[in-house]
Amino acid sequence: MARAQAQAAPVRRSQLAARMPVTTGIIGVNAVVYVAMCFSGVSPFSPTIPDLLKWGANSGMQTLTGQPWRILTSNYVHIGLLHIVLNMWCLWNLGALAERIFDRWTYFLTYTTCGLAGSILSLWWHPLGVGAGASGAIFGMAGALISALYLGHLPIHPQALKSTLKSLLSFAGYNLFFGTVVPGIDNSAHMGGLICGLILGAVLAGHLTSSPDERNSWRRWVFIVVALVLLLAFRFVRHAALHRPIAG
């Protein structure tokens, strides 16, 4: 019996991964980065700021002066075991819903652009700080799901829709409040991701049940526009930070 259960477990895990390929892939990349950090000598519980910066964390001193790729890589760098476990647990639960509402490319692009938006707002809010973690992208997925479910006219039972929206709003509200009372949490990244997600979900909602060709065409144009907006936002933040007067 024990042997049969042991054989069944990998099958169930593989089936679950097949149903949630985007979520599984994103979590896998985060886990690989965290493990690689630990094997390189970084503390698994309290990595130092130099360690975080070495692995791609977001910081105005670097990001705004020649290393813009950090607004992306910082979404896959975590500040210790508790940080990554909490973020990946939230992503797993949100991802289970996102994989059913969005197609794979829409999910991945939404997650990525919301993470970028969170990083950019974080730079504007505190350009001298150091930020890392997937929470901006995760908040963005919550926002996108809220808008998509509310505006998308999806074939979901009204009671189930109401319950799901209540859970998503509670998640966003509680965690934003939590970020205001606990030191060290970058609520600006949360807000940047959430706002981007709410907008993306609203823009995409009307085409979620369209034909694949129409949905793909709409998605392509939406994310081209979003990429241009994020580029302009980054340039604005960089200009503002580099010309901001230094307090004496």
C-alpha atoms as a PDB file:
ATOM      1  CA  MET A   1       0.000   0.000   0.000  1.00  0.00           C
ATOM      2  CA  ALA A   2       2.772   2.417   0.938  1.00  0.00           C
ATOM      3  CA  ARG A   3       4.569   1.567  -2.310  1.00  0.00           C
ATOM      4  CA  ALA A   4       1.415   2.281  -4.323  1.00  0.00           C
ATOM      5  CA  GLN A   5       0.952   5.644  -2.591  1.00  0.00           C
ATOM      6  CA  ALA A   6       4.591   6.548  -3.216  1.00  0.00           C
ATOM      7  CA  GLN A   7       4.181   5.749  -6.903  1.00  0.00           C
ATOM      8  CA  ALA A   8       0.931   7.720  -7.137  1.00  0.00           C
ATOM      9  CA  ALA A   9       2.343  10.898  -5.602  1.00  0.00           C
ATOM     10  CA  PRO A  10       4.698  11.763  -8.498  1.00  0.00           C
ATOM     11  CA  VAL A  11       1.854  11.112 -10.934  1.00  0.00           C
ATOM     12  CA  ARG A  12      -0.435  13.529  -9.094  1.00  0.00           C
ATOM     13  CA  ARG A  13       2.316  16.133  -8.914  1.00  0.00           C
ATOM     14  CA  SER A  14       3.042  15.830 -12.638  1.00  0.00           C
ATOM     15  CA  GLN A  15      -0.664  16.113 -13.459  1.00  0.00           C
ATOM     16  CA  LEU A  16      -0.951  19.211 -11.282  1.00  0.00           C
ATOM     17  CA  ALA A  17       2.104  20.763 -12.947  1.00  0.00           C
ATOM     18  CA  ALA A  18       0.544  20.032 -16.352  1.00  0.00           C
ATOM     19  CA  ARG A  19      -2.608  21.920 -15.309  1.00  0.00           C
ATOM     20  CA  MET A  20      -0.600  24.847 -13.935  1.00  0.00           C
ATOM     21  CA  PRO A  21       2.451  25.118 -16.227  1.00  0.00           C
ATOM     22  CA  VAL A  22       2.968  28.877 -15.914  1.00  0.00           C
ATOM     23  CA  THR A  23       2.666  28.910 -12.138  1.00  0.00           C
ATOM     24  CA  THR A  24       4.889  25.856 -11.800  1.00  0.00           C
ATOM     25  CA  GLY A  25       7.484  27.378 -14.119  1.00  0.00           C
ATOM     26  CA  ILE A  26       7.589  30.717 -12.295  1.00  0.00           C
ATOM     27  CA  ILE A  27       7.859  29.034  -8.908  1.00  0.00           C
ATOM     28  CA  GLY A  28      10.581  26.780 -10.297  1.00  0.00           C
ATOM     29  CA  VAL A  29      12.679  29.735 -11.473  1.00  0.00           C
ATOM     30  CA  ASN A  30      12.313  31.456  -8.099  1.00  0.00           C
ATOM     31  CA  ALA A  31      13.306  28.273  -6.297  1.00  0.00           C
ATOM     32  CA  VAL A  32      16.348  27.717  -8.533  1.00  0.00           C
ATOM     33  CA  VAL A  33      17.559  31.290  -7.922  1.00  0.00           C
ATOM     34  CA  TYR A  34      17.095  30.921  -4.160  1.00  0.00           C
ATOM     35  CA  VAL A  35      18.921  27.583  -4.029  1.00  0.00           C
ATOM     36  CA  ALA A  36      21.732  28.943  -6.210  1.00  0.00           C
ATOM     37  CA  MET A  37      22.084  31.908  -3.851  1.00  0.00           C
ATOM     38  CA  CYS A  38      22.354  29.578  -0.866  1.00  0.00           C
ATOM     39  CA  PHE A  39      24.916  27.320  -2.565  1.00  0.00           C
ATOM     40  CA  SER A  40      26.997  30.396  -3.426  1.00  0.00           C
ATOM     41  CA  GLY A  41      27.323  31.208   0.268  1.00  0.00           C
ATOM     42  CA  VAL A  42      24.408  33.604   0.756  1.00  0.00           C
ATOM     43  CA  SER A  43      22.614  33.205   4.101  1.00  0.00           C
ATOM     44  CA  PRO A  44      19.366  31.253   3.556  1.00  0.00           C
ATOM     45  CA  PHE A  45      17.588  33.337   6.203  1.00  0.00           C
ATOM     46  CA  SER A  46      19.213  36.804   6.259  1.00  0.00           C
ATOM     47  CA  PRO A  47      21.016  37.674   3.018  1.00  0.00           C
ATOM     48  CA  THR A  48      23.018  40.879   3.121  1.00  0.00           C
ATOM     49  CA  ILE A  49      22.360  43.868   0.885  1.00  0.00           C
ATOM     50  CA  PRO A  50      25.575  43.257  -1.118  1.00  0.00           C
ATOM     51  CA  ASP A  51      24.452  39.648  -1.663  1.00  0.00           C
ATOM     52  CA  LEU A  52      21.024  40.775  -2.866  1.00  0.00           C
ATOM     53  CA  LEU A  53      22.546  43.327  -5.213  1.00  0.00           C
ATOM     54  CA  LYS A  54      24.965  40.738  -6.570  1.00  0.00           C
ATOM     55  CA  TRP A  55      22.025  38.501  -7.508  1.00  0.00           C
ATOM     56  CA  GLY A  56      19.966  41.234  -9.181  1.00  0.00           C
ATOM     57  CA  ALA A  57      17.985  43.122  -6.538  1.00  0.00           C
ATOM     58  CA  ASN A  58      16.474  46.485  -7.438  1.00  0.00           C
ATOM     59  CA  SER A  59      18.263  49.640  -6.305  1.00  0.00           C
ATOM     60  CA  GLY A  60      18.264  53.124  -7.720  1.00  0.00           C
ATOM     61  CA  MET A  61      22.009  53.445  -7.394  1.00  0.00           C
ATOM     62  CA  GLN A  62      22.458  50.583  -9.859  1.00  0.00           C
ATOM     63  CA  THR A  63      19.158  50.271 -11.733  1.00  0.00           C
ATOM     64  CA  LEU A  64      18.923  53.918 -12.724  1.00  0.00           C
ATOM     65  CA  THR A  65      22.581  54.282 -13.678  1.00  0.00           C
ATOM     66  CA  GLY A  66      23.144  51.595 -16.279  1.00  0.00           C
ATOM     67  CA  GLN A  67      21.556  48.361 -15.004  1.00  0.00           C
ATOM     68  CA  PRO A  68      17.838  48.605 -15.880  1.00  0.00           C
ATOM     69  CA  TRP A  69      17.545  44.805 -16.111  1.00  0.00           C
ATOM     70  CA  ARG A  70      17.260  44.820 -12.302  1.00  0.00           C
ATOM     71  CA  ILE A  71      13.593  45.833 -12.511  1.00  0.00           C
ATOM     72  CA  LEU A  72      13.034  42.324 -13.900  1.00  0.00           C
ATOM     73  CA  THR A  73      15.616  40.197 -12.070  1.00  0.00           C
ATOM     74  CA  SER A  74      14.619  41.589  -8.682  1.00  0.00           C
ATOM     75  CA  ASN A  75      11.283  39.797  -9.045  1.00  0.00           C
ATOM     76  CA  TYR A  76      13.106  36.470  -8.800  1.00  0.00           C
ATOM     77  CA  VAL A  77      15.374  37.324  -5.853  1.00  0.00           C
ATOM     78  CA  HIS A  78      14.115  36.799  -2.296  1.00  0.00           C
ATOM     79  CA  ILE A  79      15.238  38.011   1.096  1.00  0.00           C
ATOM     80  CA  GLY A  80      15.433  34.722   2.932  1.00  0.00           C
ATOM     81  CA  LEU A  81      13.478  31.485   3.283  1.00  0.00           C
ATOM     82  CA  LEU A  82      10.344  32.943   4.895  1.00  0.00           C
ATOM     83  CA  HIS A  83      10.089  35.577   2.161  1.00  0.00           C
ATOM     84  CA  ILE A  84      10.168  33.104  -0.713  1.00  0.00           C
ATOM     85  CA  VAL A  85       7.903  30.559   0.988  1.00  0.00           C
ATOM     86  CA  LEU A  86       5.180  33.144   1.672  1.00  0.00           C
ATOM     87  CA  ASN A  87       5.402  34.611  -1.822  1.00  0.00           C
ATOM     88  CA  MET A  88       5.343  31.246  -3.569  1.00  0.00           C
ATOM     89  CA  TRP A  89       2.426  30.061  -1.433  1.00  0.00           C
ATOM     90  CA  CYS A  90       0.438  33.157  -2.470  1.00  0.00           C
ATOM     91  CA  LEU A  91       1.433  32.666  -6.108  1.00  0.00           C
ATOM     92  CA  TRP A  92       0.403  29.008  -6.053  1.00  0.00           C
ATOM     93  CA  ASN A  93      -3.081  29.880  -4.801  1.00  0.00           C
ATOM     94  CA  LEU A  94      -3.577  32.803  -7.174  1.00  0.00           C
ATOM     95  CA  GLY A  95      -2.049  30.836 -10.038  1.00  0.00           C
ATOM     96  CA  ALA A  96      -4.593  28.053  -9.691  1.00  0.00           C
ATOM     97  CA  LEU A  97      -7.278  30.597 -10.591  1.00  0.00           C
ATOM     98  CA  ALA A  98      -5.218  32.553 -13.124  1.00  0.00           C
ATOM     99  CA  GLU A  99      -4.483  29.412 -15.171  1.00  0.00           C
ATOM    100  CA  ARG A 100      -8.246  28.949 -15.635  1.00  0.00           C
ATOM    101  CA  ILE A 101      -9.089  32.579 -16.422  1.00  0.00           C
ATOM    102  CA  PHE A 102      -6.183  33.579 -18.685  1.00  0.00           C
ATOM    103  CA  ASP A 103      -4.365  31.797 -21.465  1.00  0.00           C
ATOM    104  CA  ARG A 104      -0.720  31.011 -20.760  1.00  0.00           C
ATOM    105  CA  TRP A 105       0.832  33.966 -22.566  1.00  0.00           C
ATOM    106  CA  THR A 106      -1.619  36.436 -21.039  1.00  0.00           C
ATOM    107  CA  TYR A 107      -0.870  35.079 -17.572  1.00  0.00           C
ATOM    108  CA  PHE A 108       2.903  35.189 -18.025  1.00  0.00           C
ATOM    109  CA  LEU A 109       2.954  38.650 -19.613  1.00  0.00           C
ATOM    110  CA  THR A 110       0.592  40.036 -16.973  1.00  0.00           C
ATOM    111  CA  TYR A 111       2.750  38.629 -14.194  1.00  0.00           C
ATOM    112  CA  THR A 112       5.923  40.021 -15.754  1.00  0.00           C
ATOM    113  CA  THR A 113       4.618  43.504 -16.553  1.00  0.00           C
ATOM    114  CA  CYS A 114       3.071  43.878 -13.102  1.00  0.00           C
ATOM    115  CA  GLY A 115       6.403  42.928 -11.556  1.00  0.00           C
ATOM    116  CA  LEU A 116       8.125  45.566 -13.700  1.00  0.00           C
ATOM    117  CA  ALA A 117       5.526  48.163 -12.715  1.00  0.00           C
ATOM    118  CA  GLY A 118       6.070  47.367  -9.035  1.00  0.00           C
ATOM    119  CA  SER A 119       9.832  47.717  -9.424  1.00  0.00           C
ATOM    120  CA  ILE A 120       9.495  51.054 -11.219  1.00  0.00           C
ATOM    121  CA  LEU A 121       7.165  52.545  -8.601  1.00  0.00           C
ATOM    122  CA  SER A 122       9.507  51.279  -5.894  1.00  0.00           C
ATOM    123  CA  LEU A 123      12.387  53.150  -7.552  1.00  0.00           C
ATOM    124  CA  TRP A 124      10.343  56.337  -7.676  1.00  0.00           C
ATOM    125  CA  TRP A 125       9.182  56.006  -4.063  1.00  0.00           C
ATOM    126  CA  HIS A 126      12.583  55.301  -2.522  1.00  0.00           C
ATOM    127  CA  PRO A 127      15.382  55.425  -5.104  1.00  0.00           C
ATOM    128  CA  LEU A 128      18.070  54.783  -2.494  1.00  0.00           C
ATOM    129  CA  GLY A 129      16.432  51.624  -1.165  1.00  0.00           C
ATOM    130  CA  VAL A 130      16.999  47.992  -2.142  1.00  0.00           C
ATOM    131  CA  GLY A 131      14.026  45.893  -3.206  1.00  0.00           C
ATOM    132  CA  ALA A 132      13.570  42.242  -4.083  1.00  0.00           C
ATOM    133  CA  GLY A 133      10.827  39.659  -4.292  1.00  0.00           C
ATOM    134  CA  ALA A 134       7.853  38.541  -6.369  1.00  0.00           C
ATOM    135  CA  SER A 135       5.189  40.344  -4.346  1.00  0.00           C
ATOM    136  CA  GLY A 136       4.687  43.185  -6.841  1.00  0.00           C
ATOM    137  CA  ALA A 137       3.961  40.673  -9.599  1.00  0.00           C
ATOM    138  CA  ILE A 138       1.752  38.623  -7.256  1.00  0.00           C
ATOM    139  CA  PHE A 139      -0.276  41.692  -6.268  1.00  0.00           C
ATOM    140  CA  GLY A 140      -0.567  42.414  -9.973  1.00  0.00           C
ATOM    141  CA  MET A 141      -2.070  38.993 -10.634  1.00  0.00           C
ATOM    142  CA  ALA A 142      -4.563  39.569  -7.826  1.00  0.00           C
ATOM    143  CA  GLY A 143      -5.532  42.899  -9.391  1.00  0.00           C
ATOM    144  CA  ALA A 144      -5.835  41.413 -12.870  1.00  0.00           C
ATOM    145  CA  LEU A 145      -8.063  38.625 -11.563  1.00  0.00           C
ATOM    146  CA  ILE A 146     -10.284  41.086  -9.696  1.00  0.00           C
ATOM    147  CA  SER A 147     -10.870  43.187 -12.834  1.00  0.00           C
ATOM    148  CA  ALA A 148     -11.225  40.197 -15.138  1.00  0.00           C
ATOM    149  CA  LEU A 149     -13.755  38.452 -12.912  1.00  0.00           C
ATOM    150  CA  TYR A 150     -15.762  41.610 -12.264  1.00  0.00           C
ATOM    151  CA  LEU A 151     -15.828  42.859 -15.862  1.00  0.00           C
ATOM    152  CA  GLY A 152     -15.299  39.756 -17.962  1.00  0.00           C
ATOM    153  CA  HIS A 153     -18.818  38.254 -18.010  1.00  0.00           C
ATOM    154  CA  LEU A 154     -17.290  34.816 -17.531  1.00  0.00           C
ATOM    155  CA  PRO A 155     -19.437  31.663 -17.261  1.00  0.00           C
ATOM    156  CA  ILE A 156     -19.093  31.440 -13.482  1.00  0.00           C
ATOM    157  CA  HIS A 157     -21.943  30.923 -11.007  1.00  0.00           C
ATOM    158  CA  PRO A 158     -22.767  34.288  -9.350  1.00  0.00           C
ATOM    159  CA  GLN A 159     -22.279  32.900  -5.849  1.00  0.00           C
ATOM    160  CA  ALA A 160     -18.892  31.437  -6.703  1.00  0.00           C
ATOM    161  CA  LEU A 161     -17.914  34.694  -8.441  1.00  0.00           C
ATOM    162  CA  LYS A 162     -18.914  36.744  -5.405  1.00  0.00           C
ATOM    163  CA  SER A 163     -16.975  34.462  -3.061  1.00  0.00           C
ATOM    164  CA  THR A 164     -13.855  34.533  -5.239  1.00  0.00           C
ATOM    165  CA  LEU A 165     -13.916  38.316  -5.596  1.00  0.00           C
ATOM    166  CA  LYS A 166     -14.337  38.669  -1.836  1.00  0.00           C
ATOM    167  CA  SER A 167     -11.298  36.455  -1.255  1.00  0.00           C
ATOM    168  CA  LEU A 168      -9.175  38.397  -3.763  1.00  0.00           C
ATOM    169  CA  LEU A 169     -10.171  41.771  -2.306  1.00  0.00           C
ATOM    170  CA  SER A 170      -9.465  40.500   1.206  1.00  0.00           C
ATOM    171  CA  PHE A 171      -6.053  39.244   0.100  1.00  0.00           C
ATOM    172  CA  ALA A 172      -5.117  42.590  -1.453  1.00  0.00           C
ATOM    173  CA  GLY A 173      -6.544  44.705   1.367  1.00  0.00           C
ATOM    174  CA  TYR A 174      -5.069  42.675   4.205  1.00  0.00           C
ATOM    175  CA  ASN A 175      -1.607  42.503   2.692  1.00  0.00           C
ATOM    176  CA  LEU A 176      -1.534  46.203   1.840  1.00  0.00           C
ATOM    177  CA  PHE A 177      -2.496  47.004   5.440  1.00  0.00           C
ATOM    178  CA  PHE A 178       0.093  44.509   6.690  1.00  0.00           C
ATOM    179  CA  GLY A 179       2.700  46.331   4.618  1.00  0.00           C
ATOM    180  CA  THR A 180       1.940  49.626   6.360  1.00  0.00           C
ATOM    181  CA  VAL A 181       2.506  48.300   9.881  1.00  0.00           C
ATOM    182  CA  VAL A 182       5.437  45.924   9.373  1.00  0.00           C
ATOM    183  CA  PRO A 183       8.848  47.561   8.798  1.00  0.00           C
ATOM    184  CA  GLY A 184      10.842  46.521   5.750  1.00  0.00           C
ATOM    185  CA  ILE A 185       7.894  45.690   3.471  1.00  0.00           C
ATOM    186  CA  ASP A 186       7.936  47.583   0.179  1.00  0.00           C
ATOM    187  CA  ASN A 187       4.300  48.601  -0.191  1.00  0.00           C
ATOM    188  CA  SER A 188       5.158  50.820  -3.161  1.00  0.00           C
ATOM    189  CA  ALA A 189       6.017  47.716  -5.197  1.00  0.00           C
ATOM    190  CA  HIS A 190       2.750  46.140  -4.057  1.00  0.00           C
ATOM    191  CA  MET A 191       0.795  49.213  -5.155  1.00  0.00           C
ATOM    192  CA  GLY A 192       2.593  49.431  -8.486  1.00  0.00           C
ATOM    193  CA  GLY A 193       1.861  45.807  -9.283  1.00  0.00           C
ATOM    194  CA  LEU A 194      -1.734  45.999  -8.069  1.00  0.00           C
ATOM    195  CA  ILE A 195      -2.587  49.115 -10.079  1.00  0.00           C
ATOM    196  CA  CYS A 196      -0.995  47.674 -13.210  1.00  0.00           C
ATOM    197  CA  GLY A 197      -2.890  44.420 -12.723  1.00  0.00           C
ATOM    198  CA  LEU A 198      -6.238  46.145 -12.198  1.00  0.00           C
ATOM    199  CA  ILE A 199      -5.760  48.111 -15.420  1.00  0.00           C
ATOM    200  CA  LEU A 200      -4.589  45.105 -17.423  1.00  0.00           C
ATOM    201  CA  GLY A 201      -7.437  42.930 -16.163  1.00  0.00           C
ATOM    202  CA  ALA A 202      -9.966  45.604 -17.118  1.00  0.00           C
ATOM    203  CA  VAL A 203      -8.493  46.051 -20.603  1.00  0.00           C
ATOM    204  CA  LEU A 204      -8.287  42.310 -21.240  1.00  0.00           C
ATOM    205  CA  ALA A 205     -11.664  41.410 -19.695  1.00  0.00           C
ATOM    206  CA  GLY A 206     -13.794  42.030 -22.766  1.00  0.00           C
ATOM    207  CA  HIS A 207     -11.807  39.584 -24.895  1.00  0.00           C
ATOM    208  CA  LEU A 208     -11.345  36.679 -22.476  1.00  0.00           C
ATOM    209  CA  THR A 209     -14.086  34.668 -24.171  1.00  0.00           C
ATOM    210  CA  SER A 210     -13.325  35.799 -27.734  1.00  0.00           C
ATOM    211  CA  SER A 211     -11.989  33.490 -30.426  1.00  0.00           C
ATOM    212  CA  PRO A 212      -8.302  32.562 -30.078  1.00  0.00           C
ATOM    213  CA  ASP A 213      -7.255  34.736 -33.039  1.00  0.00           C
ATOM    214  CA  GLU A 214      -9.095  37.788 -31.772  1.00  0.00           C
ATOM    215  CA  ARG A 215      -7.864  37.256 -28.215  1.00  0.00           C
ATOM    216  CA  ASN A 216      -4.261  36.832 -29.356  1.00  0.00           C
ATOM    217  CA  SER A 217      -4.384  39.964 -31.528  1.00  0.00           C
ATOM    218  CA  TRP A 218      -5.852  42.032 -28.707  1.00  0.00           C
ATOM    219  CA  ARG A 219      -3.290  40.697 -26.231  1.00  0.00           C
ATOM    220  CA  ARG A 220      -0.440  41.551 -28.597  1.00  0.00           C
ATOM    221  CA  TRP A 221      -1.501  45.182 -28.948  1.00  0.00           C
ATOM    222  CA  VAL A 222      -2.261  45.563 -25.236  1.00  0.00           C
ATOM    223  CA  PHE A 223       1.184  44.433 -24.171  1.00  0.00           C
ATOM    224  CA  ILE A 224       2.954  46.468 -26.855  1.00  0.00           C
ATOM    225  CA  VAL A 225       1.260  49.561 -25.428  1.00  0.00           C
ATOM    226  CA  VAL A 226       2.044  48.468 -21.861  1.00  0.00           C
ATOM    227  CA  ALA A 227       5.710  47.969 -22.761  1.00  0.00           C
ATOM    228  CA  LEU A 228       5.885  51.504 -24.160  1.00  0.00           C
ATOM    229  CA  VAL A 229       4.166  52.934 -21.067  1.00  0.00           C
ATOM    230  CA  LEU A 230       6.578  51.117 -18.751  1.00  0.00           C
ATOM    231  CA  LEU A 231       9.536  52.342 -20.803  1.00  0.00           C
ATOM    232  CA  LEU A 232       8.324  55.934 -20.517  1.00  0.00           C
ATOM    233  CA  ALA A 233       7.650  55.478 -16.805  1.00  0.00           C
ATOM    234  CA  PHE A 234      11.156  54.156 -16.239  1.00  0.00           C
ATOM    235  CA  ARG A 235      12.687  57.055 -18.148  1.00  0.00           C
ATOM    236  CA  PHE A 236      10.615  59.509 -16.108  1.00  0.00           C
ATOM    237  CA  VAL A 237      11.663  57.919 -12.801  1.00  0.00           C
ATOM    238  CA  ARG A 238      15.301  57.884 -13.854  1.00  0.00           C
ATOM    239  CA  HIS A 239      15.191  61.540 -14.867  1.00  0.00           C
ATOM    240  CA  ALA A 240      13.409  62.511 -11.635  1.00  0.00           C
ATOM    241  CA  ALA A 241      15.836  60.567  -9.462  1.00  0.00           C
ATOM    242  CA  LEU A 242      18.968  61.847 -11.144  1.00  0.00           C
ATOM    243  CA  HIS A 243      17.745  65.468 -10.865  1.00  0.00           C
ATOM    244  CA  ARG A 244      16.300  65.194  -7.372  1.00  0.00           C
ATOM    245  CA  PRO A 245      18.025  67.599  -4.954  1.00  0.00           C
ATOM    246  CA  ILE A 246      20.082  65.899  -2.255  1.00  0.00           C
ATOM    247  CA  ALA A 247      18.977  66.857   1.244  1.00  0.00           C
ATOM    248  CA  GLY A 248      21.690  68.626   3.190  1.00  0.00           C
END
